[in-house]
Amino acid sequence: MTVIPINTPPTQRLLSLDFMRGCIMVLLALESAGLYEHLFDASKGAPLQNFFIQFFHHPWNGLRFWDLIQPSFMFMAGAAMAFSLHKQQQRGMEWKESFKKVIRRCFLLFFWGVLDYAVRPTGLSFELWDVLTQLSFTTLLAFLVFRWSTVAQILFCLGLLLVTECLYRFTKIPGFDQPFTDQHNFGNYVDLLLMNKINKGGWVAINCIPTAVHTIAGSLVGKLLLTDRAKIRPILLWGVICLIAGFALDASGITPIIKRIATSSFTLASLGWCLFELAACYWWIDIKGHRKNLLFFTVVGMNSIFIYLFFEIVGDRWFTGYISSITNGLMDFIHTPETPKLILTSLSVFGLEWYLCYFLYKKRIFFKL
């Protein structure tokens, strides 16, 4: 991980990308702090429970708000890559040099993704389910096809979805020949080969194949915005097409929407929402110029990889517990009820993590892989 002091004023950056990344990381940080669990428990039996359940992954066949977080993260990575490669080309960097930079980045993403899951109370573990591990593969694939024509890249994405469908439907491996059944599908079999284990939650490592579509689509949108920054309509049109295709596959019973194994219907439906998200943010922030009051999110978006690793590794294993002990202890002195105490503790943990990002922002320090 490289520390880059940036002298360029943040206002010259594409703020919609930083804003979207910041929104994603804020939501993830609040989850890591345990806020959603406390709010969900506090709302049991109340109408608000139907709202807070959207901040948890769907158990299998279906789509909730929280299922869109990882696709959005990988989509934004692709869009940011397009702008990064464009800058490299402007500086006269050859393809080989860009390739070396991408290989280094992908190696670091893979390393940190594996490290995130490596240290367990029972010892070391090798797992490939982390979003950074997945992103290492999708980033490399998006780079390799980046210079292809738009039509060629779209056909390549359709090919990835077709390959995924074939792998799940036509690999008749005993015990793993049920395409869309948890613990008995092809993705579970691959995990046994790679890691000698199956994820109890149903997540599979080969999700990186279909979700590469998110990163490639992000890079295509990035290239589109580089050529004409007013082209919002094509993004919205493709968003509609993807949403219709994804939900139609699910409603017709052809391929169910399952986030945990990233079915083709899920990939298309989630991509449709990603396209709408970016179009809305880009139109509002970079075209209409509404740049005020974005600091809360952009300071996190500018250090997205750093803060993700911080709350996943440092926070999960030490920081959250340490801060919780302090805040819970202080609130016990004034006899704070249990539910408000837990909610305030989660907000305190998140507040300190946000301030860390703000401190780095003020010092113009940005961590890049």
Protein backbone atom coordinates (compact mmCIF):
# COMPACT_ATOMS: atom_id res chain seq x y z
CA MET A 1 0.00 0.00 0.00
CA THR A 2 1.40 3.36 -1.07
CA VAL A 3 0.89 6.67 0.72
CA ILE A 4 0.41 9.46 -1.81
CA PRO A 5 0.40 13.08 -0.64
CA ILE A 6 -1.83 14.83 -3.17
CA ASN A 7 -1.24 18.51 -3.81
CA THR A 8 -4.10 18.83 -6.30
CA PRO A 9 -7.14 20.42 -4.67
CA PRO A 10 -9.83 17.80 -4.09
CA THR A 11 -12.37 19.95 -5.96
CA GLN A 12 -10.59 19.10 -9.25
CA ARG A 13 -11.35 15.41 -8.81
CA LEU A 14 -14.41 13.71 -10.25
CA LEU A 15 -16.46 14.17 -7.10
CA SER A 16 -19.31 11.87 -8.06
CA LEU A 17 -16.91 8.89 -7.97
CA ASP A 18 -15.54 9.89 -4.57
CA PHE A 19 -19.07 10.54 -3.33
CA MET A 20 -20.35 7.13 -4.44
CA ARG A 21 -17.33 5.35 -3.00
CA GLY A 22 -17.77 7.36 0.18
CA CYS A 23 -21.44 6.37 0.49
CA ILE A 24 -20.53 2.70 0.04
CA MET A 25 -17.73 2.84 2.61
CA VAL A 26 -19.85 4.75 5.13
CA LEU A 27 -22.53 2.08 4.86
CA LEU A 28 -19.94 -0.69 5.27
CA ALA A 29 -18.32 1.04 8.23
CA LEU A 30 -21.68 1.39 9.98
CA GLU A 31 -22.29 -2.31 9.40
CA SER A 32 -18.88 -3.15 10.84
CA ALA A 33 -19.72 -1.07 13.90
CA GLY A 34 -22.85 -3.20 14.41
CA LEU A 35 -25.36 -0.38 13.96
CA TYR A 36 -27.78 -2.23 11.68
CA GLU A 37 -28.07 -5.22 14.00
CA HIS A 38 -28.92 -2.95 16.93
CA LEU A 39 -31.49 -0.99 14.93
CA PHE A 40 -33.04 -4.19 13.59
CA ASP A 41 -33.30 -5.70 17.08
CA ALA A 42 -34.78 -2.46 18.44
CA SER A 43 -37.46 -2.40 15.72
CA LYS A 44 -38.73 -5.95 16.16
CA GLY A 45 -42.49 -6.04 15.88
CA ALA A 46 -42.61 -2.52 14.42
CA PRO A 47 -43.12 -1.45 10.78
CA LEU A 48 -39.54 -0.09 10.70
CA GLN A 49 -38.23 -3.64 10.87
CA ASN A 50 -39.14 -4.08 7.20
CA PHE A 51 -36.88 -1.11 6.47
CA PHE A 52 -33.90 -2.20 8.55
CA ILE A 53 -33.99 -5.74 7.13
CA GLN A 54 -32.86 -4.17 3.86
CA PHE A 55 -29.43 -3.70 5.47
CA PHE A 56 -28.85 -7.46 5.56
CA HIS A 57 -28.16 -9.82 2.66
CA HIS A 58 -31.08 -11.81 1.37
CA PRO A 59 -30.78 -15.40 2.65
CA TRP A 60 -31.00 -16.81 -0.87
CA ASN A 61 -33.44 -16.08 -3.73
CA GLY A 62 -34.27 -12.39 -3.72
CA LEU A 63 -32.75 -8.93 -3.75
CA ARG A 64 -32.33 -6.45 -0.92
CA PHE A 65 -30.62 -3.07 -0.75
CA TRP A 66 -27.57 -4.55 0.98
CA ASP A 67 -27.03 -6.97 -1.91
CA LEU A 68 -26.15 -3.97 -4.09
CA ILE A 69 -23.20 -2.77 -2.01
CA GLN A 70 -20.51 -5.10 -3.39
CA PRO A 71 -21.63 -4.72 -7.03
CA SER A 72 -21.54 -0.93 -6.60
CA PHE A 73 -18.05 -1.12 -5.11
CA MET A 74 -16.75 -3.22 -8.02
CA PHE A 75 -18.58 -1.07 -10.56
CA MET A 76 -17.01 2.09 -9.14
CA ALA A 77 -13.58 0.45 -9.26
CA GLY A 78 -14.04 -0.05 -13.00
CA ALA A 79 -15.15 3.54 -13.56
CA ALA A 80 -12.19 4.87 -11.59
CA MET A 81 -9.83 2.61 -13.56
CA ALA A 82 -11.01 4.19 -16.83
CA PHE A 83 -10.06 7.66 -15.58
CA SER A 84 -6.75 6.38 -14.21
CA LEU A 85 -5.79 4.70 -17.50
CA HIS A 86 -6.80 7.82 -19.41
CA LYS A 87 -4.40 9.89 -17.30
CA GLN A 88 -1.65 7.34 -17.89
CA GLN A 89 -2.20 7.54 -21.64
CA GLN A 90 -2.07 11.34 -21.50
CA ARG A 91 1.31 11.07 -19.76
CA GLY A 92 2.56 8.82 -22.57
CA MET A 93 2.71 5.65 -20.49
CA GLU A 94 2.95 2.52 -22.62
CA TRP A 95 0.58 -0.43 -22.27
CA LYS A 96 3.33 -2.58 -20.73
CA GLU A 97 3.90 -0.08 -17.95
CA SER A 98 0.18 0.21 -17.26
CA PHE A 99 -0.02 -3.58 -17.21
CA LYS A 100 2.76 -3.76 -14.61
CA LYS A 101 0.92 -1.25 -12.42
CA VAL A 102 -2.32 -3.22 -12.70
CA ILE A 103 -0.56 -6.51 -11.91
CA ARG A 104 0.97 -4.93 -8.80
CA ARG A 105 -2.41 -3.52 -7.75
CA CYS A 106 -4.16 -6.83 -8.29
CA PHE A 107 -1.51 -8.67 -6.30
CA LEU A 108 -1.96 -6.26 -3.39
CA LEU A 109 -5.74 -6.52 -3.57
CA PHE A 110 -5.44 -10.30 -3.49
CA PHE A 111 -2.93 -10.17 -0.61
CA TRP A 112 -5.03 -7.88 1.57
CA GLY A 113 -8.21 -9.77 0.71
CA VAL A 114 -6.67 -13.07 1.83
CA LEU A 115 -5.14 -11.43 4.92
CA ASP A 116 -8.55 -10.07 5.91
CA TYR A 117 -9.79 -13.62 6.46
CA ALA A 118 -6.48 -15.23 7.35
CA VAL A 119 -6.28 -14.67 11.11
CA ARG A 120 -8.89 -16.63 13.04
CA PRO A 121 -9.15 -17.50 16.74
CA THR A 122 -8.44 -21.12 15.78
CA GLY A 123 -5.37 -20.20 13.71
CA LEU A 124 -4.55 -19.21 10.14
CA SER A 125 -7.09 -19.70 7.37
CA PHE A 126 -6.98 -19.44 3.58
CA GLU A 127 -10.22 -18.05 2.13
CA LEU A 128 -11.10 -16.34 -1.15
CA TRP A 129 -14.49 -14.80 -0.39
CA ASP A 130 -13.41 -11.24 0.43
CA VAL A 131 -14.46 -8.45 -1.94
CA LEU A 132 -10.83 -7.39 -2.42
CA THR A 133 -9.86 -10.90 -3.52
CA GLN A 134 -12.72 -10.87 -6.00
CA LEU A 135 -11.77 -7.38 -7.15
CA SER A 136 -8.19 -8.48 -7.89
CA PHE A 137 -9.54 -10.82 -10.57
CA THR A 138 -12.21 -8.50 -11.99
CA THR A 139 -9.77 -5.56 -12.20
CA LEU A 140 -7.24 -7.60 -14.17
CA LEU A 141 -9.93 -8.85 -16.55
CA ALA A 142 -11.35 -5.35 -17.04
CA PHE A 143 -7.87 -4.02 -17.84
CA LEU A 144 -7.13 -6.75 -20.38
CA VAL A 145 -10.26 -5.94 -22.40
CA PHE A 146 -10.16 -2.18 -21.77
CA ARG A 147 -8.94 -1.28 -25.29
CA TRP A 148 -11.48 -3.49 -27.03
CA SER A 149 -14.43 -1.88 -28.75
CA THR A 150 -17.58 -1.29 -26.73
CA VAL A 151 -19.46 -3.99 -28.65
CA ALA A 152 -16.65 -6.49 -28.08
CA GLN A 153 -16.62 -5.79 -24.33
CA ILE A 154 -20.40 -6.15 -24.08
CA LEU A 155 -20.22 -9.49 -25.92
CA PHE A 156 -17.41 -10.55 -23.60
CA CYS A 157 -19.59 -9.73 -20.57
CA LEU A 158 -22.43 -11.77 -22.01
CA GLY A 159 -19.93 -14.58 -22.52
CA LEU A 160 -18.94 -14.44 -18.85
CA LEU A 161 -22.58 -14.77 -17.83
CA LEU A 162 -23.09 -17.63 -20.27
CA VAL A 163 -20.01 -19.43 -18.91
CA THR A 164 -21.39 -19.03 -15.40
CA GLU A 165 -24.75 -20.47 -16.45
CA CYS A 166 -23.06 -23.47 -18.11
CA LEU A 167 -20.80 -24.17 -15.15
CA TYR A 168 -23.72 -24.30 -12.75
CA ARG A 169 -26.15 -26.13 -15.03
CA PHE A 170 -24.05 -28.68 -16.92
CA THR A 171 -21.25 -29.82 -14.60
CA LYS A 172 -22.83 -32.96 -13.21
CA ILE A 173 -20.64 -33.57 -10.16
CA PRO A 174 -22.21 -35.95 -7.62
CA GLY A 175 -23.38 -33.98 -4.60
CA PHE A 176 -22.87 -30.65 -6.41
CA ASP A 177 -25.23 -31.02 -9.35
CA GLN A 178 -28.03 -28.75 -8.11
CA PRO A 179 -27.38 -25.42 -9.89
CA PHE A 180 -29.12 -23.03 -7.53
CA THR A 181 -29.21 -24.97 -4.26
CA ASP A 182 -27.10 -23.83 -1.32
CA GLN A 183 -24.19 -26.14 -0.40
CA HIS A 184 -24.84 -28.36 -3.45
CA ASN A 185 -23.84 -26.23 -6.44
CA PHE A 186 -20.76 -26.03 -8.64
CA GLY A 187 -19.41 -23.00 -6.79
CA ASN A 188 -19.35 -25.00 -3.55
CA TYR A 189 -17.43 -27.77 -5.32
CA VAL A 190 -14.78 -25.32 -6.58
CA ASP A 191 -14.37 -23.98 -3.05
CA LEU A 192 -13.69 -27.51 -1.83
CA LEU A 193 -10.96 -27.82 -4.45
CA LEU A 194 -9.42 -24.41 -3.72
CA MET A 195 -9.85 -24.13 0.04
CA ASN A 196 -11.01 -27.54 1.23
CA LYS A 197 -14.09 -25.91 2.75
CA ILE A 198 -17.54 -24.61 1.90
CA ASN A 199 -18.81 -21.27 3.14
CA LYS A 200 -21.72 -21.84 5.53
CA GLY A 201 -23.38 -18.68 4.24
CA GLY A 202 -23.36 -19.94 0.66
CA TRP A 203 -20.74 -17.53 -0.74
CA VAL A 204 -18.49 -18.92 -3.47
CA ALA A 205 -15.10 -17.85 -4.84
CA ILE A 206 -16.08 -18.12 -8.51
CA ASN A 207 -18.40 -15.15 -8.03
CA CYS A 208 -15.44 -13.27 -9.50
CA ILE A 209 -16.38 -14.59 -12.96
CA PRO A 210 -19.87 -13.09 -13.30
CA THR A 211 -19.12 -10.02 -11.15
CA ALA A 212 -16.29 -9.10 -13.51
CA VAL A 213 -19.20 -7.77 -15.56
CA HIS A 214 -19.69 -5.06 -12.92
CA THR A 215 -16.08 -3.88 -13.20
CA ILE A 216 -15.99 -4.04 -16.99
CA ALA A 217 -19.29 -2.15 -17.18
CA GLY A 218 -17.86 0.47 -14.83
CA SER A 219 -14.85 0.97 -17.10
CA LEU A 220 -17.15 1.29 -20.13
CA VAL A 221 -19.17 3.98 -18.38
CA GLY A 222 -15.95 5.72 -17.37
CA LYS A 223 -14.78 5.75 -21.00
CA LEU A 224 -18.17 7.09 -22.08
CA LEU A 225 -17.96 9.98 -19.63
CA LEU A 226 -14.42 10.74 -20.77
CA THR A 227 -15.57 11.16 -24.36
CA ASP A 228 -18.75 13.11 -23.63
CA ARG A 229 -19.61 14.17 -20.10
CA ALA A 230 -23.24 14.89 -21.02
CA LYS A 231 -24.05 11.33 -22.10
CA ILE A 232 -26.35 10.32 -19.28
CA ARG A 233 -29.15 8.92 -21.46
CA PRO A 234 -27.21 5.83 -22.71
CA ILE A 235 -26.31 4.96 -19.11
CA LEU A 236 -29.97 5.14 -18.08
CA LEU A 237 -31.03 3.11 -21.11
CA TRP A 238 -28.58 0.33 -20.31
CA GLY A 239 -29.74 0.48 -16.71
CA VAL A 240 -33.31 -0.20 -17.81
CA ILE A 241 -32.20 -3.04 -20.10
CA CYS A 242 -30.19 -4.72 -17.35
CA LEU A 243 -32.96 -4.39 -14.78
CA ILE A 244 -35.58 -5.82 -17.13
CA ALA A 245 -33.32 -8.69 -18.19
CA GLY A 246 -32.33 -9.57 -14.62
CA PHE A 247 -35.81 -9.53 -13.13
CA ALA A 248 -37.31 -11.24 -16.18
CA LEU A 249 -34.90 -14.17 -15.80
CA ASP A 250 -35.93 -14.46 -12.17
CA ALA A 251 -39.69 -14.03 -12.67
CA SER A 252 -39.76 -16.54 -15.52
CA GLY A 253 -38.05 -19.18 -13.38
CA ILE A 254 -35.10 -19.48 -15.77
CA THR A 255 -32.40 -18.21 -13.40
CA PRO A 256 -33.22 -17.03 -9.86
CA ILE A 257 -31.69 -13.85 -8.44
CA ILE A 258 -29.17 -15.14 -5.89
CA LYS A 259 -26.51 -12.74 -4.67
CA ARG A 260 -24.51 -15.38 -2.77
CA ILE A 261 -23.56 -17.20 -5.96
CA ALA A 262 -23.88 -14.15 -8.25
CA THR A 263 -26.26 -15.70 -10.75
CA SER A 264 -26.54 -14.03 -14.15
CA SER A 265 -29.95 -12.61 -13.22
CA PHE A 266 -28.50 -11.09 -10.05
CA THR A 267 -25.52 -9.67 -11.94
CA LEU A 268 -27.76 -7.99 -14.51
CA ALA A 269 -30.31 -6.66 -12.00
CA SER A 270 -27.65 -5.28 -9.66
CA LEU A 271 -25.77 -3.74 -12.62
CA GLY A 272 -28.95 -1.94 -13.62
CA TRP A 273 -29.15 -0.32 -10.20
CA CYS A 274 -25.42 0.55 -10.32
CA LEU A 275 -25.91 2.34 -13.63
CA PHE A 276 -28.81 4.36 -12.19
CA GLU A 277 -26.78 5.24 -9.10
CA LEU A 278 -23.83 6.56 -11.05
CA ALA A 279 -25.99 8.43 -13.56
CA ALA A 280 -27.88 10.18 -10.76
CA CYS A 281 -24.74 11.13 -8.81
CA TYR A 282 -22.83 12.24 -11.90
CA TRP A 283 -25.72 14.36 -13.18
CA TRP A 284 -26.34 16.00 -9.81
CA ILE A 285 -22.72 16.60 -8.76
CA ASP A 286 -20.53 16.91 -11.86
CA ILE A 287 -23.01 18.25 -14.41
CA LYS A 288 -25.30 20.40 -12.25
CA GLY A 289 -22.44 21.38 -9.96
CA HIS A 290 -24.04 20.59 -6.60
CA ARG A 291 -20.74 20.16 -4.76
CA LYS A 292 -21.64 21.53 -1.35
CA ASN A 293 -22.15 19.36 1.73
CA LEU A 294 -20.42 16.34 0.20
CA LEU A 295 -17.42 16.37 2.51
CA PHE A 296 -18.89 13.82 4.94
CA PHE A 297 -18.81 11.16 2.21
CA THR A 298 -15.97 12.27 -0.05
CA VAL A 299 -13.32 12.19 2.68
CA VAL A 300 -14.12 8.50 3.12
CA GLY A 301 -14.32 7.84 -0.62
CA MET A 302 -10.84 9.23 -1.18
CA ASN A 303 -9.38 6.63 1.20
CA SER A 304 -11.81 3.80 0.49
CA ILE A 305 -9.32 0.91 0.46
CA PHE A 306 -7.60 2.15 3.62
CA ILE A 307 -10.75 2.54 5.69
CA TYR A 308 -12.10 -0.81 4.46
CA LEU A 309 -8.96 -2.58 5.63
CA PHE A 310 -8.98 -0.60 8.86
CA PHE A 311 -12.47 -1.58 10.02
CA GLU A 312 -12.20 -5.10 8.61
CA ILE A 313 -8.82 -5.96 10.16
CA VAL A 314 -7.99 -3.45 12.92
CA GLY A 315 -11.58 -2.59 13.82
CA ASP A 316 -12.94 -6.11 13.83
CA ARG A 317 -10.06 -7.50 15.89
CA TRP A 318 -9.30 -4.66 18.30
CA PHE A 319 -10.57 -1.11 17.73
CA THR A 320 -14.33 -1.76 17.89
CA GLY A 321 -14.07 -3.84 21.05
CA TYR A 322 -11.76 -1.34 22.76
CA ILE A 323 -13.93 1.69 22.00
CA SER A 324 -17.08 -0.25 22.91
CA SER A 325 -15.63 -1.08 26.33
CA ILE A 326 -15.00 2.60 26.99
CA THR A 327 -18.33 3.95 25.75
CA ASN A 328 -20.39 1.16 27.32
CA GLY A 329 -18.61 1.66 30.61
CA LEU A 330 -19.22 5.42 30.60
CA MET A 331 -22.89 5.02 29.73
CA ASP A 332 -23.34 2.39 32.44
CA PHE A 333 -22.45 5.09 34.97
CA ILE A 334 -25.53 7.07 33.96
CA HIS A 335 -27.69 3.94 33.63
CA THR A 336 -28.30 4.26 29.90
CA PRO A 337 -30.85 1.69 28.63
CA GLU A 338 -29.31 -1.21 26.71
CA THR A 339 -30.58 -0.44 23.20
CA PRO A 340 -29.65 3.29 23.15
CA LYS A 341 -26.29 2.34 24.67
CA LEU A 342 -25.51 -0.12 21.88
CA ILE A 343 -26.62 2.32 19.18
CA LEU A 344 -24.54 5.18 20.62
CA THR A 345 -21.54 2.89 20.92
CA SER A 346 -21.80 1.91 17.24
CA LEU A 347 -22.05 5.57 16.25
CA SER A 348 -19.02 6.39 18.42
CA VAL A 349 -16.95 3.70 16.70
CA PHE A 350 -18.02 4.94 13.29
CA GLY A 351 -17.40 8.58 14.26
CA LEU A 352 -13.80 7.86 15.20
CA GLU A 353 -13.25 5.94 11.96
CA TRP A 354 -14.71 8.85 9.98
CA TYR A 355 -12.50 11.33 11.83
CA LEU A 356 -9.47 9.23 10.92
CA CYS A 357 -10.41 9.64 7.25
CA TYR A 358 -10.96 13.37 7.79
CA PHE A 359 -7.54 13.69 9.42
CA LEU A 360 -5.88 12.01 6.44
CA TYR A 361 -7.88 14.23 4.09
CA LYS A 362 -6.72 17.41 5.84
CA LYS A 363 -3.13 16.19 5.64
CA ARG A 364 -3.59 15.40 1.92
CA ILE A 365 -2.63 11.76 2.54
CA PHE A 366 -4.33 9.15 0.38
CA PHE A 367 -3.52 5.46 0.46
CA LYS A 368 -3.42 3.75 -2.92
CA LEU A 369 -2.75 0.17 -3.92
